[in-house]
Amino acid sequence: FESYLRSFPLCPVFSYIRYSQICAQVVRAAMKPQYKAEAERAAMATVKTVKPKKE
């Protein structure tokens, strides 16, 4: 399935990024309770994008 998504980057159903998010949610949901809390905290991390300045 992953190779299918990579071969069609403009797939109207969902992107590869959305696919990977769904997989991560499924993995976190299947974890044992003692590991689940830490994984959920890590999932709350945010990503900051910075555009380079044009000179």
Protein backbone atom coordinates (compact mmCIF):
# COMPACT_ATOMS: atom_id res chain seq x y z
CA PHE A 1 0.00 0.00 0.00
CA GLU A 2 2.84 2.36 0.81
CA SER A 3 4.39 1.93 -2.63
CA TYR A 4 0.97 2.63 -4.15
CA LEU A 5 0.76 5.96 -2.32
CA ARG A 6 4.28 6.93 -3.31
CA SER A 7 3.53 6.23 -6.96
CA PHE A 8 0.48 8.52 -6.83
CA PRO A 9 1.51 11.61 -4.83
CA LEU A 10 -1.66 13.48 -5.82
CA CYS A 11 -3.96 10.70 -4.63
CA PRO A 12 -7.34 12.35 -3.88
CA VAL A 13 -8.13 9.94 -1.03
CA PHE A 14 -5.29 10.97 1.29
CA SER A 15 -1.62 11.81 1.11
CA TYR A 16 1.34 9.79 2.31
CA ILE A 17 1.62 12.11 5.32
CA ARG A 18 -1.98 11.38 6.30
CA TYR A 19 -1.35 7.66 5.77
CA SER A 20 1.66 7.79 8.12
CA GLN A 21 -0.40 9.70 10.71
CA ILE A 22 -3.08 7.01 10.63
CA CYS A 23 -0.44 4.28 11.02
CA ALA A 24 1.10 6.09 14.00
CA GLN A 25 -2.32 6.40 15.66
CA VAL A 26 -2.96 2.68 15.20
CA VAL A 27 0.44 1.76 16.64
CA ARG A 28 -0.05 4.04 19.67
CA ALA A 29 -3.52 2.60 20.27
CA ALA A 30 -2.11 -0.95 20.24
CA MET A 31 0.66 -0.25 22.77
CA LYS A 32 0.71 -1.58 26.30
CA PRO A 33 -0.49 1.00 28.87
CA GLN A 34 2.95 1.58 30.40
CA TYR A 35 4.36 2.65 27.00
CA LYS A 36 1.21 4.28 25.66
CA ALA A 37 1.36 7.42 27.85
CA GLU A 38 4.90 8.26 26.75
CA ALA A 39 4.06 7.68 23.07
CA GLU A 40 1.00 9.93 23.30
CA ARG A 41 3.11 12.70 24.86
CA ALA A 42 5.60 12.40 22.01
CA ALA A 43 2.75 12.59 19.50
CA MET A 44 1.80 16.01 20.84
CA ALA A 45 5.08 17.51 19.61
CA THR A 46 4.68 20.27 17.09
CA VAL A 47 6.70 21.06 14.02
CA LYS A 48 7.73 24.59 13.21
CA THR A 49 8.49 25.51 9.63
CA VAL A 50 10.66 28.47 8.77
CA LYS A 51 10.90 29.93 5.31
CA PRO A 52 14.40 31.06 4.36
CA LYS A 53 14.88 34.78 3.91
CA LYS A 54 15.38 35.93 0.35
CA GLU A 55 18.45 38.08 -0.04
